[in-house]
C-alpha atoms as a PDB file:
ATOM      1  CA  MET A   1      34.128   5.310  68.518  1.00  0.00           C
ATOM      2  CA  ILE A   2      31.278   3.736  66.832  1.00  0.00           C
ATOM      3  CA  GLU A   3      29.123   6.703  67.665  1.00  0.00           C
ATOM      4  CA  MET A   4      31.976   9.276  66.592  1.00  0.00           C
ATOM      5  CA  VAL A   5      32.159   7.193  63.206  1.00  0.00           C
ATOM      6  CA  GLY A   6      28.373   6.770  62.943  1.00  0.00           C
ATOM      7  CA  GLY A   7      27.717  10.989  63.966  1.00  0.00           C
ATOM      8  CA  GLY A   8      30.325  11.677  61.312  1.00  0.00           C
ATOM      9  CA  LEU A   9      29.046   9.690  58.592  1.00  0.00           C
ATOM     10  CA  LEU A  10      25.352  11.006  59.439  1.00  0.00           C
ATOM     11  CA  GLY A  11      26.994  14.703  59.509  1.00  0.00           C
ATOM     12  CA  SER A  12      28.444  13.909  56.403  1.00  0.00           C
ATOM     13  CA  ILE A  13      25.662  12.711  54.336  1.00  0.00           C
ATOM     14  CA  PHE A  14      23.116  15.318  55.639  1.00  0.00           C
ATOM     15  CA  GLY A  15      25.634  17.886  54.825  1.00  0.00           C
ATOM     16  CA  GLY A  16      26.137  16.280  51.391  1.00  0.00           C
ATOM     17  CA  LEU A  17      22.030  16.205  51.072  1.00  0.00           C
ATOM     18  CA  PHE A  18      21.952  19.986  52.523  1.00  0.00           C
ATOM     19  CA  ARG A  19      24.449  20.829  49.967  1.00  0.00           C
ATOM     20  CA  LEU A  20      22.800  19.196  46.771  1.00  0.00           C
ATOM     21  CA  ALA A  21      18.972  20.313  48.006  1.00  0.00           C
ATOM     22  CA  PRO A  22      19.968  23.797  46.613  1.00  0.00           C
ATOM     23  CA  GLU A  23      21.214  22.331  43.320  1.00  0.00           C
ATOM     24  CA  ILE A  24      18.007  20.126  42.919  1.00  0.00           C
ATOM     25  CA  LEU A  25      16.077  23.353  43.914  1.00  0.00           C
ATOM     26  CA  LYS A  26      17.552  25.663  41.113  1.00  0.00           C
ATOM     27  CA  TRP A  27      17.259  22.383  38.618  1.00  0.00           C
ATOM     28  CA  LEU A  28      13.823  22.061  39.031  1.00  0.00           C
ATOM     29  CA  ASP A  29      13.330  26.109  39.099  1.00  0.00           C
ATOM     30  CA  ARG A  30      15.127  25.917  35.674  1.00  0.00           C
ATOM     31  CA  LYS A  31      12.680  22.886  34.416  1.00  0.00           C
ATOM     32  CA  ASP A  32       9.619  25.211  35.341  1.00  0.00           C
ATOM     33  CA  GLU A  33      11.345  28.337  33.883  1.00  0.00           C
ATOM     34  CA  ARG A  34      11.565  26.235  30.461  1.00  0.00           C
ATOM     35  CA  LYS A  35       8.260  25.218  30.482  1.00  0.00           C
ATOM     36  CA  HIS A  36       7.108  29.006  31.219  1.00  0.00           C
ATOM     37  CA  GLU A  37       9.173  30.251  28.362  1.00  0.00           C
ATOM     38  CA  LEU A  38       7.999  27.576  26.050  1.00  0.00           C
ATOM     39  CA  SER A  39       4.271  28.384  26.841  1.00  0.00           C
ATOM     40  CA  MET A  40       5.180  32.314  26.524  1.00  0.00           C
ATOM     41  CA  PHE A  41       7.004  31.578  23.187  1.00  0.00           C
ATOM     42  CA  THR A  42       3.861  29.796  22.069  1.00  0.00           C
ATOM     43  CA  LEU A  43       1.340  32.377  23.248  1.00  0.00           C
ATOM     44  CA  GLN A  44       3.775  34.879  21.289  1.00  0.00           C
ATOM     45  CA  THR A  45       3.498  32.936  18.053  1.00  0.00           C
ATOM     46  CA  ASP A  46      -0.199  32.355  18.642  1.00  0.00           C
ATOM     47  CA  LEU A  47      -0.363  36.166  18.820  1.00  0.00           C
ATOM     48  CA  GLU A  48       1.617  36.564  15.803  1.00  0.00           C
ATOM     49  CA  LYS A  49      -0.631  34.460  13.846  1.00  0.00           C
ATOM     50  CA  VAL A  50      -3.520  36.348  14.564  1.00  0.00           C
ATOM     51  CA  ARG A  51      -1.811  39.839  13.770  1.00  0.00           C
ATOM     52  CA  GLY A  52      -1.263  38.108  10.225  1.00  0.00           C
ATOM     53  CA  GLN A  53      -4.775  36.958   9.925  1.00  0.00           C
ATOM     54  CA  PHE A  54      -5.699  40.564  11.118  1.00  0.00           C
ATOM     55  CA  ARG A  55      -3.725  42.085   8.912  1.00  0.00           C
ATOM     56  CA  MET A  56      -4.699  40.067   5.808  1.00  0.00           C
ATOM     57  CA  GLU A  57      -8.292  41.137   6.448  1.00  0.00           C
ATOM     58  CA  GLU A  58      -7.517  44.516   6.782  1.00  0.00           C
ATOM     59  CA  LYS A  59      -5.771  44.316   3.354  1.00  0.00           C
ATOM     60  CA  TYR A  60      -8.827  42.554   1.963  1.00  0.00           C
ATOM     61  CA  VAL A  61     -11.129  45.396   3.029  1.00  0.00           C
ATOM     62  CA  GLU A  62      -8.696  48.216   2.028  1.00  0.00           C
ATOM     63  CA  HIS A  63      -8.728  45.917  -1.315  1.00  0.00           C
ATOM     64  CA  SER A  64     -12.584  46.087  -1.596  1.00  0.00           C
ATOM     65  CA  THR A  65     -12.788  49.641  -0.615  1.00  0.00           C
ATOM     66  CA  GLU A  66     -10.349  50.369  -3.580  1.00  0.00           C
ATOM     67  CA  GLN A  67     -12.379  48.436  -5.918  1.00  0.00           C
ATOM     68  CA  LEU A  68     -15.700  50.323  -4.809  1.00  0.00           C
ATOM     69  CA  LYS A  69     -13.920  53.215  -5.507  1.00  0.00           C
ATOM     70  CA  ALA A  70     -12.999  52.222  -9.055  1.00  0.00           C
ATOM     71  CA  ILE A  71     -16.236  51.500  -9.752  1.00  0.00           C
ATOM     72  CA  GLN A  72     -17.849  54.520  -8.523  1.00  0.00           C
ATOM     73  CA  GLU A  73     -15.417  56.508 -10.579  1.00  0.00           C
ATOM     74  CA  ALA A  74     -15.915  54.256 -13.084  1.00  0.00           C
ATOM     75  CA  PHE A  75     -19.838  55.309 -13.342  1.00  0.00           C
ATOM     76  CA  LYS A  76     -19.166  58.890 -12.472  1.00  0.00           C
ATOM     77  CA  GLU A  77     -16.889  58.872 -15.919  1.00  0.00           C
ATOM     78  CA  GLN A  78     -19.568  57.011 -17.548  1.00  0.00           C
ATOM     79  CA  SER A  79     -22.729  59.382 -16.915  1.00  0.00           C
ATOM     80  CA  GLN A  80     -20.021  62.337 -17.192  1.00  0.00           C
ATOM     81  CA  THR A  81     -19.674  61.094 -21.041  1.00  0.00           C
ATOM     82  CA  ALA A  82     -23.506  60.363 -21.578  1.00  0.00           C
ATOM     83  CA  LYS A  83     -24.341  63.777 -20.290  1.00  0.00           C
ATOM     84  CA  GLU A  84     -21.746  65.375 -22.762  1.00  0.00           C
ATOM     85  CA  ALA A  85     -22.777  62.871 -25.658  1.00  0.00           C
ATOM     86  CA  GLY A  86     -26.504  63.827 -26.019  1.00  0.00           C
ATOM     87  CA  TRP A  87     -29.387  61.637 -25.241  1.00  0.00           C
ATOM     88  CA  PHE A  88     -29.039  59.370 -28.276  1.00  0.00           C
ATOM     89  CA  VAL A  89     -25.617  58.446 -27.597  1.00  0.00           C
ATOM     90  CA  SER A  90     -26.574  58.077 -24.050  1.00  0.00           C
ATOM     91  CA  ALA A  91     -29.442  55.966 -24.708  1.00  0.00           C
ATOM     92  CA  ILE A  92     -27.340  53.504 -27.105  1.00  0.00           C
ATOM     93  CA  SER A  93     -24.512  53.662 -24.306  1.00  0.00           C
ATOM     94  CA  ALA A  94     -27.179  52.629 -21.707  1.00  0.00           C
ATOM     95  CA  LEU A  95     -28.634  49.689 -23.800  1.00  0.00           C
ATOM     96  CA  VAL A  96     -25.139  48.190 -24.078  1.00  0.00           C
ATOM     97  CA  ARG A  97     -24.719  46.240 -20.953  1.00  0.00           C
ATOM     98  CA  PRO A  98     -28.414  45.106 -21.022  1.00  0.00           C
ATOM     99  CA  GLY A  99     -27.970  44.077 -25.083  1.00  0.00           C
ATOM    100  CA  ILE A 100     -24.874  42.097 -24.495  1.00  0.00           C
ATOM    101  CA  THR A 101     -27.035  40.207 -21.264  1.00  0.00           C
ATOM    102  CA  TRP A 102     -29.522  39.704 -23.607  1.00  0.00           C
ATOM    103  CA  ALA A 103     -27.723  38.319 -26.421  1.00  0.00           C
ATOM    104  CA  LEU A 104     -25.938  36.103 -24.400  1.00  0.00           C
ATOM    105  CA  PHE A 105     -29.206  34.761 -22.248  1.00  0.00           C
ATOM    106  CA  GLY A 106     -30.573  34.056 -25.988  1.00  0.00           C
ATOM    107  CA  MET A 107     -27.768  31.964 -26.949  1.00  0.00           C
ATOM    108  CA  TYR A 108     -27.481  30.430 -23.472  1.00  0.00           C
ATOM    109  CA  ALA A 109     -31.233  29.352 -23.523  1.00  0.00           C
ATOM    110  CA  GLY A 110     -30.904  28.068 -27.382  1.00  0.00           C
ATOM    111  CA  VAL A 111     -28.398  25.473 -26.590  1.00  0.00           C
ATOM    112  CA  LYS A 112     -30.123  24.306 -23.420  1.00  0.00           C
ATOM    113  CA  ALA A 113     -33.175  24.442 -25.698  1.00  0.00           C
ATOM    114  CA  ALA A 114     -31.321  22.554 -28.330  1.00  0.00           C
ATOM    115  CA  GLY A 115     -30.226  19.771 -25.967  1.00  0.00           C
ATOM    116  CA  LEU A 116     -34.006  19.479 -24.293  1.00  0.00           C
ATOM    117  CA  SER A 117     -35.006  18.882 -27.907  1.00  0.00           C
ATOM    118  CA  ILE A 118     -32.300  16.469 -28.842  1.00  0.00           C
ATOM    119  CA  ALA A 119     -32.539  14.494 -25.419  1.00  0.00           C
ATOM    120  CA  LEU A 120     -36.544  14.376 -25.787  1.00  0.00           C
ATOM    121  CA  ALA A 121     -36.152  13.065 -29.474  1.00  0.00           C
ATOM    122  CA  SER A 122     -33.906  10.408 -28.392  1.00  0.00           C
ATOM    123  CA  GLY A 123     -36.733   8.871 -25.915  1.00  0.00           C
ATOM    124  CA  ALA A 124     -35.379  10.450 -22.502  1.00  0.00           C
ATOM    125  CA  SER A 125     -38.353  11.945 -20.325  1.00  0.00           C
ATOM    126  CA  TRP A 126     -38.519  15.241 -20.006  1.00  0.00           C
ATOM    127  CA  GLN A 127     -38.175  14.992 -16.205  1.00  0.00           C
ATOM    128  CA  ASP A 128     -34.681  13.541 -16.420  1.00  0.00           C
ATOM    129  CA  VAL A 129     -33.962  15.934 -19.100  1.00  0.00           C
ATOM    130  CA  VAL A 130     -34.393  18.838 -17.131  1.00  0.00           C
ATOM    131  CA  LEU A 131     -33.093  17.431 -13.695  1.00  0.00           C
ATOM    132  CA  LYS A 132     -29.951  16.630 -15.500  1.00  0.00           C
ATOM    133  CA  GLY A 133     -29.589  19.519 -17.908  1.00  0.00           C
ATOM    134  CA  TRP A 134     -29.709  21.871 -14.509  1.00  0.00           C
ATOM    135  CA  THR A 135     -25.983  21.556 -13.405  1.00  0.00           C
ATOM    136  CA  PRO A 136     -23.775  23.882 -11.139  1.00  0.00           C
ATOM    137  CA  ASP A 137     -22.597  25.241 -13.986  1.00  0.00           C
ATOM    138  CA  ASP A 138     -25.919  26.720 -14.950  1.00  0.00           C
ATOM    139  CA  PHE A 139     -26.701  27.865 -11.265  1.00  0.00           C
ATOM    140  CA  ALA A 140     -23.152  29.488 -11.437  1.00  0.00           C
ATOM    141  CA  MET A 141     -24.158  31.394 -14.594  1.00  0.00           C
ATOM    142  CA  LEU A 142     -27.706  32.664 -13.397  1.00  0.00           C
ATOM    143  CA  ASN A 143     -26.006  33.916 -10.027  1.00  0.00           C
ATOM    144  CA  MET A 144     -23.708  35.672 -11.820  1.00  0.00           C
ATOM    145  CA  VAL A 145     -26.301  37.336 -14.045  1.00  0.00           C
ATOM    146  CA  ILE A 146     -28.203  38.291 -11.056  1.00  0.00           C
ATOM    147  CA  SER A 147     -25.576  39.476  -8.981  1.00  0.00           C
ATOM    148  CA  PHE A 148     -23.935  41.395 -11.636  1.00  0.00           C
ATOM    149  CA  TRP A 149     -27.754  43.506 -12.395  1.00  0.00           C
ATOM    150  CA  PHE A 150     -28.711  43.860  -8.580  1.00  0.00           C
ATOM    151  CA  VAL A 151     -25.434  44.830  -7.268  1.00  0.00           C
ATOM    152  CA  GLY A 152     -24.860  46.872 -10.079  1.00  0.00           C
ATOM    153  CA  ARG A 153     -28.521  48.542  -9.299  1.00  0.00           C
ATOM    154  CA  ALA A 154     -27.484  48.816  -5.449  1.00  0.00           C
ATOM    155  CA  ILE A 155     -24.349  50.779  -6.787  1.00  0.00           C
ATOM    156  CA  GLU A 156     -26.055  53.168  -8.451  1.00  0.00           C
ATOM    157  CA  LYS A 157     -28.679  53.818  -5.892  1.00  0.00           C
ATOM    158  CA  TYR A 158     -26.121  54.152  -2.958  1.00  0.00           C
ATOM    159  CA  GLN A 159     -24.666  56.859  -5.563  1.00  0.00           C
ATOM    160  CA  ALA A 160     -27.610  58.705  -6.463  1.00  0.00           C
ATOM    161  CA  GLY A 161     -28.248  59.118  -2.456  1.00  0.00           C
ATOM    162  CA  LYS A 162     -25.063  60.694  -2.155  1.00  0.00           C
END
């Protein structure tokens, strides 16, 4: 009798375990499936980020290209106007940008010279005055003027080669 009860008890336990085994395997499979879905979602969001950045870069390139086309059209129009106006008006037109640049540079140099003069008159050493008088803003101003003129010349040479 004990063997029957013991055998029945063991049969019940094993039967229950074998019945629960597929459910446990399904639960583990769903857990792995969720991990997989999460990793796929992460990869998709990363892909969309990269696509968005790429689209922004494309728009920036398109914008830059449009700006260069606008500059090219402006140069063509200015050239055509200068040809139609005659040599005198053309010469004056060609001197406007350099004239304004030299006038602004002269005013800038005058302000710097006045500051240097005042600092030296107050007893400061010329080394300190020069070192402290040249600021990042001065460097930015110099770069802006140089870039304007040299980039403008590069564009003009490029257009002349077409």
